[in-house]
Amino acid sequence: MTIALLLHELATNSAKYGSLSVPDGRVSLRSSMANDVLHQRGRDGPPVSAPPKRGFGLRLLSRALDQFGGGTEIFFEPTGVVCNMHLTLPAGDRSEPLGEDGGQKLTPRAT
């Protein structure tokens, strides 16, 4: 849920102010779990600059991945926002029983 919330925050901001606020804008999302990185990049949108103060979204992005032993790097490049999320996903036993909703129960591991 944490990752979904972070992606939702990035998409919402992109739709309001960034790449997704214009018809030709794009957002790409790449993951490399071998390196424990989820990479999001906006492009072809309006020019971007760092906000004058840190609002809810930036505070959320900077703290939410602590529970997974990770963090976030955000770059306000003129061509679009770049966000690198570093996290360590739990290495659960795939034979564990599924949760009530059919998903596998995962718990963060201590670092």
C-alpha atoms as a PDB file:
ATOM      1  CA  MET A   1       0.000   0.000   0.000  1.00  0.00           C
ATOM      2  CA  THR A   2       2.852   2.378   0.746  1.00  0.00           C
ATOM      3  CA  ILE A   3       4.267   2.147  -2.763  1.00  0.00           C
ATOM      4  CA  ALA A   4       0.790   2.588  -4.274  1.00  0.00           C
ATOM      5  CA  LEU A   5       0.290   5.722  -2.155  1.00  0.00           C
ATOM      6  CA  LEU A   6       3.632   7.149  -3.302  1.00  0.00           C
ATOM      7  CA  LEU A   7       2.882   6.431  -6.962  1.00  0.00           C
ATOM      8  CA  HIS A   8      -0.549   8.016  -6.551  1.00  0.00           C
ATOM      9  CA  GLU A   9       1.045  11.141  -5.050  1.00  0.00           C
ATOM     10  CA  LEU A  10       3.536  11.385  -7.931  1.00  0.00           C
ATOM     11  CA  ALA A  11       0.812  10.850 -10.549  1.00  0.00           C
ATOM     12  CA  THR A  12      -1.500  13.414  -8.939  1.00  0.00           C
ATOM     13  CA  ASN A  13       1.221  16.066  -8.849  1.00  0.00           C
ATOM     14  CA  SER A  14       2.183  15.262 -12.422  1.00  0.00           C
ATOM     15  CA  ALA A  15      -1.450  15.644 -13.522  1.00  0.00           C
ATOM     16  CA  LYS A  16      -1.829  18.970 -11.690  1.00  0.00           C
ATOM     17  CA  TYR A  17       1.504  20.637 -12.357  1.00  0.00           C
ATOM     18  CA  GLY A  18       3.813  18.444 -14.416  1.00  0.00           C
ATOM     19  CA  SER A  19       4.096  16.249 -17.457  1.00  0.00           C
ATOM     20  CA  LEU A  20       0.557  14.863 -17.355  1.00  0.00           C
ATOM     21  CA  SER A  21      -0.926  18.393 -17.264  1.00  0.00           C
ATOM     22  CA  VAL A  22      -0.269  18.843 -20.995  1.00  0.00           C
ATOM     23  CA  PRO A  23      -1.378  16.664 -23.943  1.00  0.00           C
ATOM     24  CA  ASP A  24       2.148  15.661 -25.050  1.00  0.00           C
ATOM     25  CA  GLY A  25       3.549  15.062 -21.566  1.00  0.00           C
ATOM     26  CA  ARG A  26       4.723  11.621 -20.490  1.00  0.00           C
ATOM     27  CA  VAL A  27       5.656   9.802 -17.329  1.00  0.00           C
ATOM     28  CA  SER A  28       7.765   6.666 -17.356  1.00  0.00           C
ATOM     29  CA  LEU A  29       8.047   4.185 -14.524  1.00  0.00           C
ATOM     30  CA  ARG A  30      10.833   1.615 -14.324  1.00  0.00           C
ATOM     31  CA  SER A  31      11.654  -0.832 -11.625  1.00  0.00           C
ATOM     32  CA  SER A  32      14.805  -2.757 -10.973  1.00  0.00           C
ATOM     33  CA  MET A  33      14.224  -4.939  -7.983  1.00  0.00           C
ATOM     34  CA  ALA A  34      17.699  -6.416  -8.433  1.00  0.00           C
ATOM     35  CA  ASN A  35      18.929  -2.965  -7.370  1.00  0.00           C
ATOM     36  CA  ASP A  36      15.879  -2.259  -5.163  1.00  0.00           C
ATOM     37  CA  VAL A  37      15.009   0.896  -7.146  1.00  0.00           C
ATOM     38  CA  LEU A  38      11.727   2.182  -8.539  1.00  0.00           C
ATOM     39  CA  HIS A  39      12.391   5.057 -10.958  1.00  0.00           C
ATOM     40  CA  GLN A  40       9.791   7.596 -12.123  1.00  0.00           C
ATOM     41  CA  ARG A  41      10.520  10.351 -14.666  1.00  0.00           C
ATOM     42  CA  GLY A  42       8.301  13.036 -16.147  1.00  0.00           C
ATOM     43  CA  ARG A  43       9.091  14.606 -19.503  1.00  0.00           C
ATOM     44  CA  ASP A  44       7.642  16.789 -22.265  1.00  0.00           C
ATOM     45  CA  GLY A  45       5.672  18.834 -19.740  1.00  0.00           C
ATOM     46  CA  PRO A  46       5.927  22.407 -18.560  1.00  0.00           C
ATOM     47  CA  PRO A  47       9.267  23.597 -17.131  1.00  0.00           C
ATOM     48  CA  VAL A  48       9.856  22.342 -13.589  1.00  0.00           C
ATOM     49  CA  SER A  49      11.523  23.973 -10.624  1.00  0.00           C
ATOM     50  CA  ALA A  50      11.789  22.997  -6.980  1.00  0.00           C
ATOM     51  CA  PRO A  51       8.896  24.250  -4.855  1.00  0.00           C
ATOM     52  CA  PRO A  52       9.644  27.070  -2.403  1.00  0.00           C
ATOM     53  CA  LYS A  53       8.604  24.885   0.555  1.00  0.00           C
ATOM     54  CA  ARG A  54       8.105  21.191   1.252  1.00  0.00           C
ATOM     55  CA  GLY A  55       4.430  20.312   1.242  1.00  0.00           C
ATOM     56  CA  PHE A  56       2.640  17.129   2.264  1.00  0.00           C
ATOM     57  CA  GLY A  57       3.689  15.209  -0.848  1.00  0.00           C
ATOM     58  CA  LEU A  58       7.410  15.832  -0.473  1.00  0.00           C
ATOM     59  CA  ARG A  59       7.287  15.039   3.242  1.00  0.00           C
ATOM     60  CA  LEU A  60       5.403  11.811   2.480  1.00  0.00           C
ATOM     61  CA  LEU A  61       7.892  10.824  -0.214  1.00  0.00           C
ATOM     62  CA  SER A  62      10.860  11.540   2.036  1.00  0.00           C
ATOM     63  CA  ARG A  63       9.608   9.439   4.985  1.00  0.00           C
ATOM     64  CA  ALA A  64       7.339   6.681   3.736  1.00  0.00           C
ATOM     65  CA  LEU A  65      10.031   4.200   2.721  1.00  0.00           C
ATOM     66  CA  ASP A  66      11.848   4.263   6.062  1.00  0.00           C
ATOM     67  CA  GLN A  67       9.916   1.152   7.106  1.00  0.00           C
ATOM     68  CA  PHE A  68      11.476  -0.720   4.168  1.00  0.00           C
ATOM     69  CA  GLY A  69      15.007   0.434   4.896  1.00  0.00           C
ATOM     70  CA  GLY A  70      14.855   2.835   1.972  1.00  0.00           C
ATOM     71  CA  GLY A  71      14.401   6.422   0.957  1.00  0.00           C
ATOM     72  CA  THR A  72      13.615   8.716  -1.922  1.00  0.00           C
ATOM     73  CA  GLU A  73      15.682  10.995  -4.148  1.00  0.00           C
ATOM     74  CA  ILE A  74      13.743  13.716  -5.976  1.00  0.00           C
ATOM     75  CA  PHE A  75      15.275  15.889  -8.685  1.00  0.00           C
ATOM     76  CA  PHE A  76      13.467  18.885 -10.142  1.00  0.00           C
ATOM     77  CA  GLU A  77      15.028  18.925 -13.598  1.00  0.00           C
ATOM     78  CA  PRO A  78      13.842  21.553 -16.114  1.00  0.00           C
ATOM     79  CA  THR A  79      12.470  18.771 -18.344  1.00  0.00           C
ATOM     80  CA  GLY A  80      10.512  17.057 -15.565  1.00  0.00           C
ATOM     81  CA  VAL A  81      10.594  15.589 -12.082  1.00  0.00           C
ATOM     82  CA  VAL A  82      12.734  12.516 -11.486  1.00  0.00           C
ATOM     83  CA  CYS A  83      12.024  10.355  -8.456  1.00  0.00           C
ATOM     84  CA  ASN A  84      14.134   7.376  -7.394  1.00  0.00           C
ATOM     85  CA  MET A  85      12.633   5.239  -4.663  1.00  0.00           C
ATOM     86  CA  HIS A  86      15.061   2.910  -2.924  1.00  0.00           C
ATOM     87  CA  LEU A  87      13.553   0.118  -0.869  1.00  0.00           C
ATOM     88  CA  THR A  88      14.212  -3.392   0.272  1.00  0.00           C
ATOM     89  CA  LEU A  89      11.264  -5.667  -0.299  1.00  0.00           C
ATOM     90  CA  PRO A  90      10.725  -8.461   2.182  1.00  0.00           C
ATOM     91  CA  ALA A  91      12.040 -11.830   1.084  1.00  0.00           C
ATOM     92  CA  GLY A  92       8.979 -13.849   2.033  1.00  0.00           C
ATOM     93  CA  ASP A  93       8.571 -17.573   1.623  1.00  0.00           C
ATOM     94  CA  ARG A  94       6.448 -18.047  -1.500  1.00  0.00           C
ATOM     95  CA  SER A  95       4.764 -21.022   0.159  1.00  0.00           C
ATOM     96  CA  GLU A  96       3.170 -18.763   2.805  1.00  0.00           C
ATOM     97  CA  PRO A  97      -0.625 -18.829   2.833  1.00  0.00           C
ATOM     98  CA  LEU A  98      -2.425 -16.107   0.932  1.00  0.00           C
ATOM     99  CA  GLY A  99      -4.267 -13.340   2.745  1.00  0.00           C
ATOM    100  CA  GLU A 100      -8.038 -12.973   2.786  1.00  0.00           C
ATOM    101  CA  ASP A 101      -7.964 -10.911  -0.420  1.00  0.00           C
ATOM    102  CA  GLY A 102      -5.836 -13.510  -2.243  1.00  0.00           C
ATOM    103  CA  GLY A 103      -2.565 -11.583  -1.870  1.00  0.00           C
ATOM    104  CA  GLN A 104       0.504 -12.871  -0.110  1.00  0.00           C
ATOM    105  CA  LYS A 105       1.079 -11.327   3.297  1.00  0.00           C
ATOM    106  CA  LEU A 106       4.395  -9.463   3.366  1.00  0.00           C
ATOM    107  CA  THR A 107       5.947  -7.874   6.414  1.00  0.00           C
ATOM    108  CA  PRO A 108       8.889  -5.458   6.348  1.00  0.00           C
ATOM    109  CA  ARG A 109      12.142  -6.983   7.498  1.00  0.00           C
ATOM    110  CA  ALA A 110      14.370  -5.309  10.019  1.00  0.00           C
ATOM    111  CA  THR A 111      17.509  -3.642   8.697  1.00  0.00           C
END
